[in-house]
N, C-alpha and C. Protein backbone atom coordinates (compact mmCIF):
# COMPACT_ATOMS: atom_id res chain seq x y z
N MET A 1 -32.91 10.58 -8.39
CA MET A 1 -33.31 10.14 -9.73
C MET A 1 -34.82 9.92 -9.74
N PRO A 2 -35.54 10.50 -10.69
CA PRO A 2 -36.99 10.31 -10.76
C PRO A 2 -37.33 8.84 -10.98
N LEU A 3 -38.45 8.43 -10.39
CA LEU A 3 -38.87 7.03 -10.51
C LEU A 3 -39.17 6.66 -11.95
N GLU A 4 -39.65 7.68 -12.72
CA GLU A 4 -40.02 7.38 -14.11
C GLU A 4 -38.81 7.03 -14.97
N SER A 5 -37.61 7.49 -14.53
CA SER A 5 -36.42 7.25 -15.33
C SER A 5 -35.77 5.90 -15.05
N LEU A 6 -36.25 5.20 -14.03
CA LEU A 6 -35.68 3.90 -13.69
C LEU A 6 -36.20 2.83 -14.65
N PRO A 7 -35.38 1.83 -14.93
CA PRO A 7 -35.85 0.72 -15.78
C PRO A 7 -37.05 0.03 -15.13
N LEU A 8 -37.96 -0.45 -15.97
CA LEU A 8 -39.17 -1.11 -15.47
C LEU A 8 -38.84 -2.30 -14.59
N SER A 9 -37.83 -3.07 -14.97
CA SER A 9 -37.47 -4.26 -14.18
C SER A 9 -37.02 -3.86 -12.78
N LEU A 10 -36.26 -2.76 -12.67
CA LEU A 10 -35.78 -2.30 -11.36
C LEU A 10 -36.95 -1.80 -10.51
N VAL A 11 -37.89 -1.11 -11.15
CA VAL A 11 -39.07 -0.64 -10.43
C VAL A 11 -39.86 -1.81 -9.87
N ILE A 12 -40.02 -2.86 -10.67
CA ILE A 12 -40.75 -4.05 -10.22
C ILE A 12 -40.04 -4.69 -9.04
N VAL A 13 -38.70 -4.81 -9.12
CA VAL A 13 -37.93 -5.40 -8.03
C VAL A 13 -38.10 -4.58 -6.75
N LEU A 14 -38.03 -3.25 -6.87
CA LEU A 14 -38.19 -2.38 -5.70
C LEU A 14 -39.58 -2.54 -5.08
N LEU A 15 -40.60 -2.62 -5.94
CA LEU A 15 -41.97 -2.80 -5.44
C LEU A 15 -42.12 -4.13 -4.71
N VAL A 16 -41.52 -5.18 -5.28
CA VAL A 16 -41.59 -6.50 -4.64
C VAL A 16 -40.91 -6.47 -3.27
N VAL A 17 -39.74 -5.81 -3.20
CA VAL A 17 -39.02 -5.70 -1.92
C VAL A 17 -39.86 -4.96 -0.89
N VAL A 18 -40.45 -3.82 -1.31
CA VAL A 18 -41.27 -3.03 -0.39
C VAL A 18 -42.47 -3.83 0.10
N LEU A 19 -43.15 -4.53 -0.83
CA LEU A 19 -44.31 -5.33 -0.46
C LEU A 19 -43.91 -6.48 0.47
N THR A 20 -42.74 -7.08 0.21
CA THR A 20 -42.28 -8.18 1.05
C THR A 20 -42.07 -7.71 2.49
N PHE A 21 -41.39 -6.57 2.64
CA PHE A 21 -41.17 -6.05 3.99
C PHE A 21 -42.48 -5.65 4.65
N ALA A 22 -43.43 -5.14 3.85
CA ALA A 22 -44.73 -4.76 4.41
C ALA A 22 -45.47 -5.99 4.91
N VAL A 23 -45.46 -7.07 4.11
CA VAL A 23 -46.13 -8.30 4.51
C VAL A 23 -45.48 -8.90 5.75
N ILE A 24 -44.13 -8.90 5.77
CA ILE A 24 -43.42 -9.43 6.94
C ILE A 24 -43.75 -8.62 8.18
N GLY A 25 -43.80 -7.30 8.02
CA GLY A 25 -44.13 -6.44 9.15
C GLY A 25 -45.53 -6.67 9.66
N ILE A 26 -46.48 -6.78 8.74
CA ILE A 26 -47.87 -7.03 9.14
C ILE A 26 -47.99 -8.41 9.79
N GLY A 27 -47.31 -9.40 9.20
CA GLY A 27 -47.36 -10.75 9.77
C GLY A 27 -46.77 -10.80 11.17
N THR A 28 -45.66 -10.08 11.37
CA THR A 28 -45.05 -10.04 12.70
C THR A 28 -45.97 -9.37 13.71
N MET A 29 -46.60 -8.27 13.30
CA MET A 29 -47.52 -7.57 14.20
C MET A 29 -48.71 -8.45 14.55
N LEU A 30 -49.23 -9.19 13.57
CA LEU A 30 -50.35 -10.10 13.84
C LEU A 30 -49.93 -11.22 14.79
N TRP A 31 -48.71 -11.75 14.57
CA TRP A 31 -48.20 -12.81 15.44
C TRP A 31 -48.09 -12.33 16.88
N ILE A 32 -47.56 -11.11 17.05
CA ILE A 32 -47.43 -10.54 18.40
C ILE A 32 -48.81 -10.32 19.01
N ALA A 33 -49.76 -9.82 18.20
CA ALA A 33 -51.11 -9.57 18.71
C ALA A 33 -51.77 -10.87 19.17
N VAL A 34 -51.61 -11.94 18.39
CA VAL A 34 -52.19 -13.23 18.76
C VAL A 34 -51.55 -13.75 20.04
N ARG A 35 -50.23 -13.60 20.14
CA ARG A 35 -49.54 -14.05 21.35
C ARG A 35 -50.02 -13.29 22.58
N LEU A 36 -50.16 -11.98 22.45
CA LEU A 36 -50.62 -11.17 23.58
C LEU A 36 -52.05 -11.56 23.97
N PHE A 37 -52.88 -11.81 22.95
CA PHE A 37 -54.26 -12.22 23.22
C PHE A 37 -54.31 -13.54 23.97
N SER A 38 -53.36 -14.42 23.71
CA SER A 38 -53.39 -15.77 24.28
C SER A 38 -52.81 -15.86 25.68
N ILE A 39 -52.24 -14.77 26.20
CA ILE A 39 -51.55 -14.84 27.50
C ILE A 39 -52.41 -15.43 28.60
N PRO A 40 -53.64 -14.92 28.85
CA PRO A 40 -54.43 -15.48 29.95
C PRO A 40 -54.69 -16.98 29.79
N GLY A 41 -54.99 -17.40 28.57
CA GLY A 41 -55.29 -18.81 28.34
C GLY A 41 -54.09 -19.71 28.59
N VAL A 42 -52.92 -19.27 28.12
CA VAL A 42 -51.70 -20.07 28.32
C VAL A 42 -51.35 -20.15 29.80
N VAL A 43 -51.47 -19.02 30.51
CA VAL A 43 -51.14 -19.00 31.94
C VAL A 43 -52.05 -19.95 32.72
N VAL A 44 -53.35 -19.89 32.45
CA VAL A 44 -54.29 -20.78 33.15
C VAL A 44 -54.02 -22.24 32.78
N HIS A 45 -53.71 -22.50 31.51
CA HIS A 45 -53.42 -23.86 31.04
C HIS A 45 -52.23 -24.45 31.81
N GLU A 46 -51.14 -23.69 31.88
CA GLU A 46 -49.95 -24.20 32.57
C GLU A 46 -50.17 -24.26 34.08
N PHE A 47 -50.93 -23.31 34.62
CA PHE A 47 -51.24 -23.36 36.05
C PHE A 47 -52.03 -24.62 36.38
N ALA A 48 -52.91 -25.03 35.47
CA ALA A 48 -53.69 -26.26 35.67
C ALA A 48 -52.78 -27.48 35.69
N HIS A 49 -51.82 -27.52 34.76
CA HIS A 49 -50.84 -28.62 34.77
C HIS A 49 -50.08 -28.66 36.09
N GLU A 50 -49.59 -27.50 36.51
CA GLU A 50 -48.80 -27.43 37.75
C GLU A 50 -49.63 -27.85 38.96
N SER A 51 -50.87 -27.35 39.03
CA SER A 51 -51.74 -27.69 40.16
C SER A 51 -52.05 -29.18 40.19
N ALA A 52 -52.25 -29.77 39.00
CA ALA A 52 -52.52 -31.21 38.92
C ALA A 52 -51.32 -32.01 39.41
N CYS A 53 -50.13 -31.56 39.06
CA CYS A 53 -48.91 -32.24 39.55
C CYS A 53 -48.87 -32.22 41.07
N GLN A 54 -49.14 -31.07 41.64
CA GLN A 54 -49.13 -30.95 43.10
C GLN A 54 -50.23 -31.81 43.72
N LEU A 55 -51.37 -31.89 43.04
CA LEU A 55 -52.49 -32.66 43.57
C LEU A 55 -52.17 -34.15 43.67
N VAL A 56 -51.49 -34.68 42.65
CA VAL A 56 -51.21 -36.12 42.62
C VAL A 56 -49.83 -36.45 43.18
N GLY A 57 -49.11 -35.45 43.65
CA GLY A 57 -47.82 -35.70 44.29
C GLY A 57 -46.66 -35.89 43.34
N VAL A 58 -46.72 -35.30 42.15
CA VAL A 58 -45.62 -35.38 41.19
C VAL A 58 -44.81 -34.08 41.29
N ARG A 59 -43.50 -34.20 41.50
CA ARG A 59 -42.67 -33.01 41.71
C ARG A 59 -42.50 -32.22 40.42
N VAL A 60 -42.73 -30.92 40.51
CA VAL A 60 -42.57 -30.02 39.37
C VAL A 60 -41.12 -29.55 39.32
N LEU A 61 -40.50 -29.66 38.14
CA LEU A 61 -39.11 -29.27 37.98
C LEU A 61 -38.96 -27.85 37.46
N GLU A 62 -39.86 -27.45 36.57
CA GLU A 62 -39.77 -26.10 35.98
C GLU A 62 -41.13 -25.71 35.44
N VAL A 63 -41.47 -24.44 35.63
CA VAL A 63 -42.74 -23.91 35.10
C VAL A 63 -42.46 -22.62 34.34
N VAL A 64 -42.95 -22.55 33.13
CA VAL A 64 -42.93 -21.30 32.35
C VAL A 64 -44.37 -21.01 31.99
N TYR A 65 -44.94 -19.99 32.63
CA TYR A 65 -46.35 -19.69 32.41
C TYR A 65 -46.60 -19.07 31.04
N PHE A 66 -45.64 -18.26 30.56
CA PHE A 66 -45.80 -17.67 29.23
C PHE A 66 -44.45 -17.16 28.75
N ARG A 67 -44.26 -17.27 27.44
CA ARG A 67 -43.08 -16.72 26.80
C ARG A 67 -43.39 -16.53 25.32
N PHE A 68 -42.60 -15.68 24.66
CA PHE A 68 -42.74 -15.50 23.22
C PHE A 68 -41.86 -16.53 22.53
N GLY A 69 -42.30 -17.77 22.57
CA GLY A 69 -41.57 -18.87 21.97
C GLY A 69 -42.51 -20.01 21.67
N ASP A 70 -41.95 -21.13 21.30
CA ASP A 70 -42.74 -22.31 20.99
C ASP A 70 -42.19 -23.50 21.79
N PRO A 71 -42.96 -24.01 22.75
CA PRO A 71 -44.34 -23.62 23.07
C PRO A 71 -44.39 -22.33 23.88
N ALA A 72 -45.59 -21.75 23.93
CA ALA A 72 -45.75 -20.48 24.63
C ALA A 72 -45.61 -20.64 26.14
N GLY A 73 -45.82 -21.84 26.64
CA GLY A 73 -45.66 -22.13 28.06
C GLY A 73 -45.50 -23.63 28.25
N TYR A 74 -44.93 -24.04 29.37
CA TYR A 74 -44.77 -25.47 29.60
C TYR A 74 -44.51 -25.74 31.08
N VAL A 75 -44.72 -27.00 31.46
CA VAL A 75 -44.43 -27.47 32.82
C VAL A 75 -43.60 -28.74 32.70
N ARG A 76 -42.41 -28.72 33.27
CA ARG A 76 -41.57 -29.92 33.33
C ARG A 76 -41.73 -30.54 34.70
N HIS A 77 -41.98 -31.84 34.70
CA HIS A 77 -42.19 -32.53 35.98
C HIS A 77 -41.58 -33.92 35.93
N GLU A 78 -41.46 -34.54 37.08
CA GLU A 78 -40.95 -35.90 37.14
C GLU A 78 -41.94 -36.87 36.50
N GLN A 79 -41.44 -38.03 36.12
CA GLN A 79 -42.30 -39.05 35.52
C GLN A 79 -43.29 -39.57 36.55
N PRO A 80 -44.59 -39.47 36.28
CA PRO A 80 -45.58 -40.01 37.23
C PRO A 80 -45.42 -41.52 37.39
N ALA A 81 -45.66 -42.00 38.60
CA ALA A 81 -45.50 -43.43 38.87
C ALA A 81 -46.66 -44.25 38.33
N ARG A 82 -47.84 -43.65 38.26
CA ARG A 82 -49.04 -44.38 37.84
C ARG A 82 -49.72 -43.68 36.67
N TYR A 83 -50.45 -44.48 35.91
CA TYR A 83 -51.14 -43.96 34.73
C TYR A 83 -52.15 -42.89 35.11
N ARG A 84 -52.88 -43.11 36.19
CA ARG A 84 -53.93 -42.15 36.55
C ARG A 84 -53.35 -40.78 36.88
N GLU A 85 -52.11 -40.75 37.37
CA GLU A 85 -51.46 -39.47 37.63
C GLU A 85 -51.17 -38.75 36.32
N THR A 86 -50.68 -39.49 35.34
CA THR A 86 -50.45 -38.92 34.01
C THR A 86 -51.75 -38.41 33.42
N PHE A 87 -52.82 -39.19 33.58
CA PHE A 87 -54.12 -38.81 33.03
C PHE A 87 -54.60 -37.50 33.64
N VAL A 88 -54.51 -37.40 34.96
CA VAL A 88 -54.98 -36.19 35.66
C VAL A 88 -54.18 -34.97 35.21
N ILE A 89 -52.86 -35.11 35.11
CA ILE A 89 -52.01 -33.99 34.72
C ILE A 89 -52.33 -33.54 33.30
N CYS A 90 -52.59 -34.48 32.41
CA CYS A 90 -52.82 -34.15 31.00
C CYS A 90 -54.18 -33.51 30.74
N VAL A 91 -55.20 -33.96 31.45
CA VAL A 91 -56.56 -33.45 31.17
C VAL A 91 -56.94 -32.28 32.06
N ALA A 92 -56.11 -31.95 33.05
CA ALA A 92 -56.44 -30.86 33.98
C ALA A 92 -56.72 -29.54 33.27
N PRO A 93 -55.92 -29.13 32.27
CA PRO A 93 -56.20 -27.85 31.62
C PRO A 93 -57.59 -27.78 30.99
N PHE A 94 -58.07 -28.90 30.45
CA PHE A 94 -59.40 -28.87 29.85
C PHE A 94 -60.46 -28.54 30.89
N LEU A 95 -60.37 -29.17 32.05
CA LEU A 95 -61.36 -28.94 33.10
C LEU A 95 -61.23 -27.54 33.69
N VAL A 96 -59.99 -27.14 34.00
CA VAL A 96 -59.77 -25.84 34.65
C VAL A 96 -60.08 -24.69 33.69
N ASN A 97 -59.54 -24.76 32.47
CA ASN A 97 -59.79 -23.67 31.51
C ASN A 97 -61.26 -23.55 31.18
N THR A 98 -61.94 -24.69 31.04
CA THR A 98 -63.37 -24.65 30.75
C THR A 98 -64.12 -23.98 31.89
N ALA A 99 -63.81 -24.35 33.12
CA ALA A 99 -64.49 -23.76 34.27
C ALA A 99 -64.23 -22.26 34.38
N VAL A 100 -62.96 -21.86 34.21
CA VAL A 100 -62.62 -20.43 34.31
C VAL A 100 -63.28 -19.64 33.19
N ALA A 101 -63.25 -20.17 31.97
CA ALA A 101 -63.87 -19.47 30.84
C ALA A 101 -65.37 -19.34 31.04
N LEU A 102 -66.02 -20.40 31.50
CA LEU A 102 -67.47 -20.36 31.70
C LEU A 102 -67.84 -19.33 32.77
N VAL A 103 -67.12 -19.32 33.88
CA VAL A 103 -67.40 -18.35 34.94
C VAL A 103 -67.18 -16.92 34.42
N THR A 104 -66.13 -16.73 33.64
CA THR A 104 -65.85 -15.41 33.08
C THR A 104 -66.96 -14.97 32.14
N PHE A 105 -67.43 -15.88 31.29
CA PHE A 105 -68.52 -15.54 30.38
C PHE A 105 -69.82 -15.28 31.13
N LEU A 106 -70.03 -15.97 32.25
CA LEU A 106 -71.20 -15.68 33.08
C LEU A 106 -71.13 -14.25 33.60
N GLY A 107 -69.94 -13.82 34.00
CA GLY A 107 -69.75 -12.43 34.42
C GLY A 107 -70.01 -11.46 33.29
N LEU A 108 -69.55 -11.81 32.08
CA LEU A 108 -69.80 -10.96 30.92
C LEU A 108 -71.29 -10.86 30.63
N ALA A 109 -71.99 -11.98 30.74
CA ALA A 109 -73.44 -11.98 30.49
C ALA A 109 -74.16 -11.09 31.50
N VAL A 110 -73.70 -11.10 32.74
CA VAL A 110 -74.31 -10.24 33.77
C VAL A 110 -74.05 -8.77 33.44
N VAL A 111 -72.83 -8.45 32.99
CA VAL A 111 -72.50 -7.07 32.62
C VAL A 111 -73.37 -6.61 31.46
N VAL A 112 -73.51 -7.46 30.45
CA VAL A 112 -74.36 -7.11 29.30
C VAL A 112 -75.80 -6.95 29.75
N GLY A 113 -76.22 -7.75 30.73
CA GLY A 113 -77.59 -7.67 31.23
C GLY A 113 -77.91 -6.36 31.92
N THR A 114 -76.86 -5.60 32.31
CA THR A 114 -77.10 -4.30 32.96
C THR A 114 -77.44 -3.21 31.95
N LEU A 115 -77.22 -3.48 30.66
CA LEU A 115 -77.54 -2.48 29.64
C LEU A 115 -79.04 -2.41 29.42
N GLU A 116 -79.49 -1.25 29.00
CA GLU A 116 -80.91 -1.06 28.76
C GLU A 116 -81.36 -1.88 27.56
N GLU A 117 -82.57 -2.40 27.67
CA GLU A 117 -83.15 -3.17 26.56
C GLU A 117 -83.82 -2.21 25.58
N PRO A 118 -83.82 -2.57 24.29
CA PRO A 118 -83.09 -3.68 23.68
C PRO A 118 -81.62 -3.32 23.50
N VAL A 119 -80.76 -4.32 23.67
CA VAL A 119 -79.32 -4.09 23.54
C VAL A 119 -78.97 -3.86 22.08
N SER A 120 -78.31 -2.76 21.80
CA SER A 120 -77.89 -2.43 20.44
C SER A 120 -76.48 -1.88 20.50
N LEU A 121 -75.85 -1.75 19.33
CA LEU A 121 -74.49 -1.23 19.27
C LEU A 121 -74.44 0.19 19.82
N GLU A 122 -75.46 0.97 19.53
CA GLU A 122 -75.49 2.35 20.03
C GLU A 122 -75.55 2.39 21.55
N ARG A 123 -76.37 1.53 22.14
CA ARG A 123 -76.47 1.49 23.60
C ARG A 123 -75.18 0.98 24.24
N VAL A 124 -74.54 0.02 23.57
CA VAL A 124 -73.27 -0.50 24.08
C VAL A 124 -72.22 0.59 24.10
N LEU A 125 -72.11 1.34 22.99
CA LEU A 125 -71.10 2.38 22.89
C LEU A 125 -71.36 3.55 23.84
N SER A 126 -72.62 3.74 24.20
CA SER A 126 -72.97 4.84 25.11
C SER A 126 -72.96 4.40 26.58
N ALA A 127 -72.60 3.16 26.84
CA ALA A 127 -72.54 2.65 28.21
C ALA A 127 -71.40 3.32 28.97
N PRO A 128 -71.45 3.33 30.30
CA PRO A 128 -70.36 3.91 31.09
C PRO A 128 -69.02 3.24 30.77
N ARG A 129 -67.96 4.03 30.90
CA ARG A 129 -66.63 3.52 30.56
C ARG A 129 -66.28 2.28 31.38
N GLU A 130 -66.66 2.29 32.66
CA GLU A 130 -66.36 1.14 33.51
C GLU A 130 -67.03 -0.13 32.99
N THR A 131 -68.26 0.02 32.49
CA THR A 131 -68.98 -1.14 31.94
C THR A 131 -68.30 -1.66 30.69
N LEU A 132 -67.87 -0.73 29.82
CA LEU A 132 -67.19 -1.13 28.59
C LEU A 132 -65.87 -1.84 28.90
N LEU A 133 -65.11 -1.28 29.83
CA LEU A 133 -63.82 -1.90 30.19
C LEU A 133 -64.02 -3.28 30.81
N ALA A 134 -65.03 -3.39 31.68
CA ALA A 134 -65.31 -4.69 32.29
C ALA A 134 -65.74 -5.70 31.24
N GLY A 135 -66.60 -5.28 30.31
CA GLY A 135 -67.05 -6.18 29.26
C GLY A 135 -65.92 -6.61 28.36
N PHE A 136 -65.07 -5.66 27.97
CA PHE A 136 -63.93 -5.99 27.10
C PHE A 136 -62.97 -6.94 27.81
N GLY A 137 -62.67 -6.65 29.08
CA GLY A 137 -61.74 -7.50 29.82
C GLY A 137 -62.27 -8.91 30.01
N LEU A 138 -63.56 -9.03 30.34
CA LEU A 138 -64.16 -10.36 30.53
C LEU A 138 -64.22 -11.13 29.22
N ALA A 139 -64.54 -10.43 28.12
CA ALA A 139 -64.60 -11.10 26.82
C ALA A 139 -63.22 -11.61 26.41
N TRP A 140 -62.20 -10.78 26.59
CA TRP A 140 -60.83 -11.19 26.27
C TRP A 140 -60.41 -12.38 27.12
N LEU A 141 -60.62 -12.28 28.43
CA LEU A 141 -60.22 -13.36 29.33
C LEU A 141 -60.96 -14.65 29.00
N GLY A 142 -62.27 -14.56 28.79
CA GLY A 142 -63.06 -15.76 28.51
C GLY A 142 -62.66 -16.44 27.22
N LEU A 143 -62.49 -15.65 26.16
CA LEU A 143 -62.12 -16.23 24.87
C LEU A 143 -60.72 -16.83 24.92
N SER A 144 -59.78 -16.10 25.51
CA SER A 144 -58.40 -16.58 25.57
C SER A 144 -58.30 -17.88 26.38
N VAL A 145 -58.94 -17.90 27.53
CA VAL A 145 -58.88 -19.09 28.39
C VAL A 145 -59.64 -20.26 27.76
N GLY A 146 -60.80 -19.97 27.17
CA GLY A 146 -61.57 -21.03 26.53
C GLY A 146 -60.86 -21.65 25.34
N MET A 147 -60.17 -20.82 24.56
CA MET A 147 -59.45 -21.32 23.39
C MET A 147 -58.26 -22.18 23.78
N ALA A 148 -57.74 -22.00 25.00
CA ALA A 148 -56.58 -22.77 25.45
C ALA A 148 -56.98 -23.99 26.27
N ALA A 149 -58.25 -24.36 26.23
CA ALA A 149 -58.73 -25.46 27.08
C ALA A 149 -58.24 -26.82 26.61
N PHE A 150 -58.11 -27.01 25.30
CA PHE A 150 -57.77 -28.34 24.80
C PHE A 150 -56.34 -28.72 25.17
N PRO A 151 -56.12 -29.94 25.66
CA PRO A 151 -54.75 -30.42 25.90
C PRO A 151 -53.96 -30.44 24.59
N SER A 152 -52.65 -30.33 24.70
CA SER A 152 -51.79 -30.29 23.52
C SER A 152 -51.50 -31.70 23.01
N THR A 153 -50.89 -31.76 21.83
CA THR A 153 -50.48 -33.06 21.30
C THR A 153 -49.41 -33.69 22.19
N GLY A 154 -48.62 -32.84 22.87
CA GLY A 154 -47.65 -33.38 23.82
C GLY A 154 -48.32 -34.13 24.95
N ASP A 155 -49.46 -33.61 25.42
CA ASP A 155 -50.23 -34.31 26.45
C ASP A 155 -50.75 -35.64 25.91
N ALA A 156 -51.25 -35.61 24.67
CA ALA A 156 -51.75 -36.84 24.06
C ALA A 156 -50.63 -37.86 23.88
N ASN A 157 -49.44 -37.38 23.50
CA ASN A 157 -48.31 -38.30 23.33
C ASN A 157 -47.94 -38.98 24.65
N GLN A 158 -47.98 -38.21 25.75
CA GLN A 158 -47.69 -38.81 27.05
C GLN A 158 -48.69 -39.90 27.41
N LEU A 159 -49.97 -39.59 27.21
CA LEU A 159 -51.01 -40.58 27.52
C LEU A 159 -50.87 -41.82 26.64
N TRP A 160 -50.59 -41.61 25.35
CA TRP A 160 -50.47 -42.72 24.42
C TRP A 160 -49.28 -43.61 24.80
N THR A 161 -48.17 -42.99 25.15
CA THR A 161 -46.98 -43.76 25.55
C THR A 161 -47.26 -44.59 26.80
N ARG A 162 -47.88 -43.98 27.80
CA ARG A 162 -48.19 -44.72 29.02
C ARG A 162 -49.22 -45.82 28.76
N SER A 163 -50.16 -45.55 27.86
CA SER A 163 -51.18 -46.56 27.54
C SER A 163 -50.55 -47.78 26.91
N ARG A 164 -49.62 -47.57 25.96
CA ARG A 164 -48.96 -48.69 25.29
C ARG A 164 -48.11 -49.51 26.25
N LEU A 165 -47.53 -48.84 27.24
CA LEU A 165 -46.65 -49.54 28.18
C LEU A 165 -47.42 -50.31 29.26
N GLU A 166 -48.62 -49.85 29.59
CA GLU A 166 -49.28 -50.39 30.78
C GLU A 166 -50.60 -51.12 30.53
N TRP A 167 -51.07 -51.15 29.27
CA TRP A 167 -52.41 -51.71 29.07
C TRP A 167 -52.46 -53.22 29.38
N LYS A 168 -51.35 -53.93 29.21
CA LYS A 168 -51.35 -55.37 29.51
C LYS A 168 -51.44 -55.62 31.02
N ARG A 169 -50.78 -54.77 31.80
CA ARG A 169 -50.83 -54.92 33.26
C ARG A 169 -52.16 -54.45 33.82
N SER A 170 -52.71 -53.41 33.21
CA SER A 170 -53.96 -52.84 33.70
C SER A 170 -54.86 -52.51 32.52
N PRO A 171 -55.75 -53.43 32.15
CA PRO A 171 -56.64 -53.20 31.00
C PRO A 171 -57.51 -51.96 31.15
N LEU A 172 -57.70 -51.47 32.38
CA LEU A 172 -58.50 -50.26 32.58
C LEU A 172 -57.87 -49.05 31.90
N VAL A 173 -56.57 -49.14 31.62
CA VAL A 173 -55.87 -48.07 30.92
C VAL A 173 -56.52 -47.81 29.56
N LEU A 174 -57.09 -48.85 28.97
CA LEU A 174 -57.72 -48.72 27.65
C LEU A 174 -58.88 -47.73 27.68
N LEU A 175 -59.45 -47.51 28.85
CA LEU A 175 -60.55 -46.55 28.95
C LEU A 175 -60.08 -45.13 28.65
N GLY A 176 -58.78 -44.88 28.77
CA GLY A 176 -58.26 -43.55 28.48
C GLY A 176 -57.95 -43.32 27.02
N LEU A 177 -57.98 -44.40 26.21
CA LEU A 177 -57.65 -44.24 24.78
C LEU A 177 -58.60 -43.31 24.04
N PRO A 178 -59.92 -43.36 24.30
CA PRO A 178 -60.80 -42.38 23.62
C PRO A 178 -60.40 -40.94 23.90
N VAL A 179 -59.91 -40.68 25.10
CA VAL A 179 -59.46 -39.32 25.43
C VAL A 179 -58.25 -38.95 24.57
N VAL A 180 -57.33 -39.90 24.39
CA VAL A 180 -56.16 -39.65 23.55
C VAL A 180 -56.59 -39.32 22.13
N VAL A 181 -57.53 -40.10 21.60
CA VAL A 181 -58.02 -39.88 20.24
C VAL A 181 -58.66 -38.50 20.12
N VAL A 182 -59.48 -38.14 21.09
CA VAL A 182 -60.16 -36.84 21.07
C VAL A 182 -59.14 -35.71 21.09
N ILE A 183 -58.09 -35.84 21.91
CA ILE A 183 -57.08 -34.79 21.98
C ILE A 183 -56.39 -34.62 20.64
N TYR A 184 -56.01 -35.74 20.00
CA TYR A 184 -55.38 -35.65 18.69
C TYR A 184 -56.32 -35.00 17.68
N VAL A 185 -57.58 -35.39 17.69
CA VAL A 185 -58.55 -34.87 16.72
C VAL A 185 -58.75 -33.38 16.89
N VAL A 186 -58.95 -32.92 18.12
CA VAL A 186 -59.21 -31.49 18.33
C VAL A 186 -57.98 -30.65 18.00
N ASN A 187 -56.79 -31.21 18.20
CA ASN A 187 -55.59 -30.46 17.81
C ASN A 187 -55.48 -30.34 16.30
N VAL A 188 -55.88 -31.39 15.58
CA VAL A 188 -55.92 -31.30 14.12
C VAL A 188 -56.99 -30.30 13.68
N LEU A 189 -58.15 -30.35 14.34
CA LEU A 189 -59.25 -29.45 13.98
C LEU A 189 -58.99 -28.01 14.40
N SER A 190 -57.96 -27.78 15.21
CA SER A 190 -57.65 -26.40 15.59
C SER A 190 -57.30 -25.56 14.37
N TRP A 191 -56.84 -26.23 13.31
CA TRP A 191 -56.60 -25.50 12.06
C TRP A 191 -57.91 -25.01 11.47
N LEU A 192 -59.02 -25.63 11.86
CA LEU A 192 -60.35 -25.21 11.41
C LEU A 192 -61.06 -24.42 12.51
N TRP A 193 -60.28 -23.83 13.41
CA TRP A 193 -60.81 -22.94 14.45
C TRP A 193 -61.68 -23.68 15.46
N ALA A 194 -61.39 -24.97 15.70
CA ALA A 194 -62.18 -25.72 16.68
C ALA A 194 -62.05 -25.12 18.07
N ASP A 195 -60.85 -24.62 18.40
CA ASP A 195 -60.66 -24.02 19.73
C ASP A 195 -61.48 -22.74 19.89
N VAL A 196 -61.58 -21.96 18.80
CA VAL A 196 -62.40 -20.75 18.84
C VAL A 196 -63.88 -21.11 18.98
N LEU A 197 -64.31 -22.10 18.21
CA LEU A 197 -65.71 -22.52 18.27
C LEU A 197 -66.06 -23.05 19.66
N TYR A 198 -65.12 -23.73 20.30
CA TYR A 198 -65.38 -24.23 21.65
C TYR A 198 -65.57 -23.07 22.62
N ALA A 199 -64.70 -22.07 22.53
CA ALA A 199 -64.83 -20.90 23.40
C ALA A 199 -66.15 -20.18 23.15
N LEU A 200 -66.54 -20.05 21.89
CA LEU A 200 -67.81 -19.40 21.56
C LEU A 200 -68.99 -20.21 22.08
N ALA A 201 -68.87 -21.54 22.05
CA ALA A 201 -69.93 -22.39 22.59
C ALA A 201 -70.10 -22.15 24.09
N LEU A 202 -68.99 -21.98 24.80
CA LEU A 202 -69.06 -21.66 26.23
C LEU A 202 -69.71 -20.30 26.44
N LEU A 203 -69.41 -19.36 25.54
CA LEU A 203 -70.03 -18.03 25.62
C LEU A 203 -71.54 -18.13 25.46
N VAL A 204 -71.98 -18.88 24.46
CA VAL A 204 -73.42 -19.05 24.23
C VAL A 204 -74.08 -19.73 25.42
N LEU A 205 -73.41 -20.75 25.97
CA LEU A 205 -73.94 -21.45 27.14
C LEU A 205 -74.10 -20.50 28.32
N ALA A 206 -73.10 -19.66 28.55
CA ALA A 206 -73.15 -18.72 29.67
C ALA A 206 -74.31 -17.74 29.51
N PHE A 207 -74.47 -17.19 28.31
CA PHE A 207 -75.55 -16.24 28.08
C PHE A 207 -76.91 -16.92 28.20
N SER A 208 -76.98 -18.19 27.80
CA SER A 208 -78.23 -18.93 27.93
C SER A 208 -78.58 -19.15 29.40
N LEU A 209 -77.57 -19.49 30.20
CA LEU A 209 -77.80 -19.71 31.63
C LEU A 209 -78.23 -18.43 32.32
N VAL A 210 -77.55 -17.33 32.04
CA VAL A 210 -77.90 -16.06 32.67
C VAL A 210 -79.25 -15.57 32.17
N GLY A 211 -79.54 -15.81 30.89
CA GLY A 211 -80.84 -15.42 30.36
C GLY A 211 -81.98 -16.17 31.00
N GLY A 212 -81.70 -17.43 31.41
CA GLY A 212 -82.74 -18.21 32.08
C GLY A 212 -82.95 -17.80 33.52
N ILE A 213 -81.92 -17.15 34.11
CA ILE A 213 -82.02 -16.73 35.51
C ILE A 213 -82.50 -15.29 35.62
N ILE A 214 -81.93 -14.43 34.75
CA ILE A 214 -82.30 -13.01 34.77
C ILE A 214 -83.24 -12.73 33.60
N PRO A 215 -84.52 -12.49 33.86
CA PRO A 215 -85.47 -12.27 32.76
C PRO A 215 -85.21 -10.95 32.06
């Protein structure tokens, strides 16, 4: 049946259905792309939690470095006996991810420094394939790991719970409250791309450091 012979209302319904499936398909593809992009960051984040548990002597029960689910990764461990153990486990990803991202960006800055001056898009595209692949890989790794540096709200909840339970016995626990507040704030600001901005700040820092060393 020709499309022109269909009632206008039916044509509109068909168009809405087609557009809906198109939007769902595009949204699903974007979701998968974001998840794939985040793999290095999530793996390093969970590895930091696991390593911190081993460092302070807390037994790890289960580790999922990455999955297509919510959360994308997690570490289940026994309840730490002391507040400082909880603190170390919760903040470890920030320290480890930041260090890994910064080192990766330093490598990227060195790779970019091998290009002929002045660096332009044309010179970048004409660079050897190995240089392009190395630059792309380092950029992906650095951004993904840097964006996953912030502890989750689950980490903040653990710290807050332990703080409420132990602050009377050990007033020094109160020193960890600003960290809890910062974690909550940055997770809220992640809707405003705070995690991306943090990773980009590490990128700028790395290029500044390499620029100061390599004239």
